Amino acid sequence: GPGRSQRFPSDGGGGGGFSGDFNFRKHSERPNTPKKPPPVETKLPCSLEELYSGSTRKMKISRTAFDACGREVKETEILSIGVKPGWKKGTKITFPDKGNQQLNQLPADLVFVIDEKPHELFKRDGNDLIVNQKITLAEAIGGTSVNLRTLDKRSLCVPVKNIVSPGYEHVVSNEGMPITKEPGHRGDLRIIFEVKFPTKLTPEQRAGLKRALRG
């Protein structure tokens, strides 16, 4: 009724005193409001196998903090990071308030940034995996098979029946990296061939090649 209307007036004049008092107190408290420092980033190196199958990483951290009395304390904690299949270099995992703290400031956020370790066989290109494969001229002309061990430790045999020219690329669908946003889907495996030409041929071998390739 009327009492409520007078206590919380809707017109500008009646509410001026309350509004001014509120703004004054807010202004006076602002210098003491703790600031949030920028996040602290640290790299998290992962093997290509981890980024293919996923993994759980345990990271022990030590941080500086302040107790209620303003005394500096050291805290140690183990953080668990669930690396998802298909994550890429540059993916960020944020742990709020787990970074160091300065006096009269809020704790910083701790951010782990995925880094990708080099692999001895595979090279990653987005969601695809690339393999460079050397074959002989005889294999390039007569056909060959490429035997690979996948990142999840399967044996993969890829028959190549086409004639392989230098730089030829053979694509195996769905044998690349998992696509994080599309569960069950993967990129492609791309096999790029390097043909090793013989440095010497006997006259008989030359004649045989000419006969075989004539026409």
Protein backbone atom coordinates (compact mmCIF):
# COMPACT_ATOMS: atom_id res chain seq x y z
CA GLY A 1 0.00 0.00 0.00
CA PRO A 2 1.04 3.61 0.60
CA GLY A 3 3.83 2.66 3.02
CA ARG A 4 5.67 0.58 0.46
CA SER A 5 5.25 3.30 -2.13
CA GLN A 6 6.92 5.87 0.12
CA ARG A 7 9.76 3.56 1.14
CA PHE A 8 10.71 2.67 -2.45
CA PRO A 9 9.54 5.68 -4.50
CA SER A 10 9.59 5.32 -8.26
CA ASP A 11 10.07 9.01 -9.09
CA GLY A 12 13.59 10.39 -9.46
CA GLY A 13 13.32 13.01 -6.72
CA GLY A 14 12.20 10.71 -3.93
CA GLY A 15 14.92 8.15 -4.60
CA GLY A 16 17.75 10.63 -4.90
CA GLY A 17 18.96 10.36 -1.32
CA PHE A 18 19.12 6.57 -1.35
CA SER A 19 20.79 6.46 -4.75
CA GLY A 20 23.40 9.04 -3.80
CA ASP A 21 24.24 7.26 -0.56
CA PHE A 22 24.62 3.93 -2.39
CA ASN A 23 26.91 5.43 -5.03
CA PHE A 24 29.06 7.10 -2.38
CA ARG A 25 29.61 3.86 -0.50
CA LYS A 26 30.32 1.98 -3.70
CA HIS A 27 32.88 4.57 -4.72
CA SER A 28 34.60 4.51 -1.35
CA GLU A 29 34.94 0.70 -1.46
CA ARG A 30 36.29 0.49 -4.99
CA PRO A 31 40.01 1.02 -4.14
CA ASN A 32 39.89 -1.95 -1.75
CA THR A 33 38.31 -4.35 -4.25
CA PRO A 34 40.86 -7.11 -4.96
CA LYS A 35 42.02 -7.23 -8.56
CA LYS A 36 42.20 -10.35 -10.69
CA PRO A 37 45.63 -10.76 -12.32
CA PRO A 38 45.95 -12.18 -15.85
CA PRO A 39 45.92 -15.98 -16.15
CA VAL A 40 49.14 -17.96 -15.85
CA GLU A 41 49.71 -20.21 -18.87
CA THR A 42 51.90 -23.30 -18.95
CA LYS A 43 52.46 -25.82 -21.75
CA LEU A 44 51.23 -29.40 -21.44
CA PRO A 45 53.24 -31.56 -23.89
CA CYS A 46 51.20 -34.53 -25.15
CA SER A 47 52.19 -37.40 -27.41
CA LEU A 48 50.22 -38.00 -30.60
CA GLU A 49 49.04 -41.28 -29.04
CA GLU A 50 47.51 -39.36 -26.10
CA LEU A 51 45.77 -36.93 -28.44
CA TYR A 52 44.47 -39.88 -30.49
CA SER A 53 43.10 -42.07 -27.70
CA GLY A 54 42.75 -39.58 -24.85
CA SER A 55 44.41 -39.79 -21.44
CA THR A 56 44.27 -38.55 -17.87
CA ARG A 57 47.21 -36.45 -16.73
CA LYS A 58 48.01 -35.71 -13.10
CA MET A 59 49.83 -32.42 -12.59
CA LYS A 60 51.35 -31.47 -9.23
CA ILE A 61 51.31 -27.72 -8.68
CA SER A 62 52.73 -25.48 -5.96
CA ARG A 63 51.27 -22.04 -5.49
CA THR A 64 51.61 -18.99 -3.24
CA ALA A 65 48.47 -17.87 -1.38
CA PHE A 66 47.51 -15.71 1.61
CA ASP A 67 45.44 -16.77 4.60
CA ALA A 68 42.74 -14.70 6.33
CA CYS A 69 45.39 -12.89 8.41
CA GLY A 70 47.37 -11.86 5.33
CA ARG A 71 50.18 -14.34 5.92
CA GLU A 72 51.84 -15.95 2.91
CA VAL A 73 51.37 -19.71 2.67
CA LYS A 74 52.56 -22.35 0.20
CA GLU A 75 49.96 -24.75 -1.14
CA THR A 76 50.52 -27.98 -3.05
CA GLU A 77 47.82 -29.73 -5.03
CA ILE A 78 47.45 -32.42 -7.69
CA LEU A 79 45.22 -31.44 -10.62
CA SER A 80 43.62 -33.98 -12.92
CA ILE A 81 43.41 -33.14 -16.63
CA GLY A 82 41.25 -35.28 -18.90
CA VAL A 83 42.83 -35.05 -22.37
CA LYS A 84 40.06 -35.68 -24.91
CA PRO A 85 40.64 -37.64 -28.14
CA GLY A 86 41.23 -35.26 -31.02
CA TRP A 87 42.39 -32.26 -28.99
CA LYS A 88 44.75 -30.04 -30.96
CA LYS A 89 47.83 -28.02 -30.17
CA GLY A 90 46.72 -24.77 -28.54
CA THR A 91 43.68 -26.24 -26.75
CA LYS A 92 43.37 -24.56 -23.33
CA ILE A 93 42.23 -26.08 -20.02
CA THR A 94 41.51 -23.51 -17.30
CA PHE A 95 41.61 -24.10 -13.54
CA PRO A 96 40.07 -21.01 -11.89
CA ASP A 97 42.03 -19.48 -8.97
CA LYS A 98 44.78 -22.14 -9.05
CA GLY A 99 47.60 -19.74 -9.93
CA ASN A 100 49.76 -17.72 -7.55
CA GLN A 101 48.23 -14.97 -5.43
CA GLN A 102 49.66 -11.54 -4.63
CA LEU A 103 48.79 -9.68 -1.43
CA ASN A 104 45.43 -7.87 -1.72
CA GLN A 105 44.73 -9.55 -5.06
CA LEU A 106 42.59 -12.46 -6.15
CA PRO A 107 44.39 -15.68 -7.17
CA ALA A 108 45.25 -15.96 -10.84
CA ASP A 109 43.66 -18.62 -13.03
CA LEU A 110 45.96 -21.44 -14.13
CA VAL A 111 45.73 -22.38 -17.81
CA PHE A 112 47.31 -25.47 -19.37
CA VAL A 113 47.92 -25.18 -23.13
CA ILE A 114 48.15 -28.42 -25.12
CA ASP A 115 51.43 -28.85 -26.99
CA GLU A 116 52.03 -31.69 -29.44
CA LYS A 117 55.20 -33.76 -29.28
CA PRO A 118 56.77 -34.76 -32.63
CA HIS A 119 56.07 -38.35 -33.71
CA GLU A 120 58.61 -40.61 -35.40
CA LEU A 121 56.17 -41.83 -38.08
CA PHE A 122 53.05 -39.68 -38.29
CA LYS A 123 52.67 -35.97 -38.90
CA ARG A 124 49.40 -34.26 -38.05
CA ASP A 125 47.64 -31.89 -40.44
CA GLY A 126 44.40 -30.73 -38.83
CA ASN A 127 42.32 -33.89 -38.47
CA ASP A 128 44.47 -35.84 -40.96
CA LEU A 129 47.56 -37.95 -40.37
CA ILE A 130 50.39 -37.96 -42.92
CA VAL A 131 52.93 -40.74 -43.49
CA ASN A 132 55.88 -40.50 -45.88
CA GLN A 133 56.61 -43.89 -47.46
CA LYS A 134 59.62 -44.86 -49.58
CA ILE A 135 59.14 -47.56 -52.22
CA THR A 136 61.24 -48.96 -55.06
CA LEU A 137 60.57 -48.32 -58.73
CA ALA A 138 59.50 -51.96 -59.08
CA GLU A 139 56.94 -51.51 -56.29
CA ALA A 140 55.75 -48.24 -57.80
CA ILE A 141 55.03 -49.95 -61.12
CA GLY A 142 54.05 -53.43 -59.99
CA GLY A 143 52.01 -52.58 -56.90
CA THR A 144 52.79 -52.81 -53.21
CA SER A 145 51.33 -52.88 -49.71
CA VAL A 146 52.06 -50.47 -46.87
CA ASN A 147 52.07 -51.99 -43.39
CA LEU A 148 51.61 -49.52 -40.55
CA ARG A 149 51.08 -49.64 -36.81
CA THR A 150 48.35 -47.16 -35.91
CA LEU A 151 48.42 -44.80 -32.94
CA ASP A 152 46.09 -47.14 -31.06
CA LYS A 153 48.45 -50.07 -31.79
CA ARG A 154 46.46 -51.77 -34.58
CA SER A 155 48.19 -53.36 -37.56
CA LEU A 156 47.01 -51.69 -40.75
CA CYS A 157 47.75 -53.11 -44.20
CA VAL A 158 47.07 -50.73 -47.09
CA PRO A 159 47.22 -52.31 -50.57
CA VAL A 160 48.30 -49.92 -53.33
CA LYS A 161 47.32 -51.17 -56.78
CA ASN A 162 47.69 -47.96 -58.77
CA ILE A 163 50.94 -47.07 -60.49
CA VAL A 164 52.71 -44.73 -58.09
CA SER A 165 54.37 -41.61 -59.46
CA PRO A 166 56.71 -39.52 -57.28
CA GLY A 167 54.64 -37.47 -54.83
CA TYR A 168 51.56 -39.67 -55.30
CA GLU A 169 49.20 -39.50 -52.32
CA HIS A 170 47.06 -42.45 -51.27
CA VAL A 171 44.15 -41.57 -48.95
CA VAL A 172 42.69 -44.00 -46.41
CA SER A 173 39.38 -42.62 -45.12
CA ASN A 174 38.59 -42.52 -41.39
CA GLU A 175 42.11 -43.52 -40.27
CA GLY A 176 43.15 -40.03 -39.18
CA MET A 177 42.71 -38.22 -35.86
CA PRO A 178 39.39 -38.31 -33.97
CA ILE A 179 37.25 -35.21 -34.52
CA THR A 180 36.39 -33.89 -31.05
CA LYS A 181 33.15 -32.18 -32.08
CA GLU A 182 31.99 -35.16 -34.16
CA PRO A 183 32.18 -38.30 -31.97
CA GLY A 184 32.76 -41.45 -34.01
CA HIS A 185 34.28 -39.54 -36.93
CA ARG A 186 37.95 -39.29 -37.83
CA GLY A 187 40.03 -37.55 -40.43
CA ASP A 188 41.97 -39.32 -43.18
CA LEU A 189 45.31 -41.06 -43.32
CA ARG A 190 47.36 -39.69 -46.22
CA ILE A 191 50.30 -41.78 -47.44
CA ILE A 192 52.73 -39.75 -49.56
CA PHE A 193 55.11 -41.85 -51.63
CA GLU A 194 58.73 -41.27 -52.49
CA VAL A 195 59.91 -43.51 -55.35
CA LYS A 196 63.52 -44.64 -55.14
CA PHE A 197 64.92 -44.92 -58.66
CA PRO A 198 67.79 -47.35 -59.24
CA THR A 199 71.21 -45.75 -59.67
CA LYS A 200 72.52 -48.54 -61.92
CA LEU A 201 70.96 -50.97 -64.41
CA THR A 202 72.62 -53.74 -66.40
CA PRO A 203 72.09 -53.76 -70.19
CA GLU A 204 69.79 -56.75 -69.73
CA GLN A 205 67.68 -54.90 -67.14
CA ARG A 206 67.43 -51.85 -69.39
CA ALA A 207 66.33 -53.98 -72.32
CA GLY A 208 63.80 -55.80 -70.14
CA LEU A 209 62.31 -52.52 -68.90
CA LYS A 210 62.03 -51.17 -72.44
CA ARG A 211 60.23 -54.31 -73.58
CA ALA A 212 57.88 -54.25 -70.57
CA LEU A 213 57.04 -50.57 -70.90
CA ARG A 214 56.90 -50.34 -74.68
CA GLY A 215 53.64 -48.97 -76.01
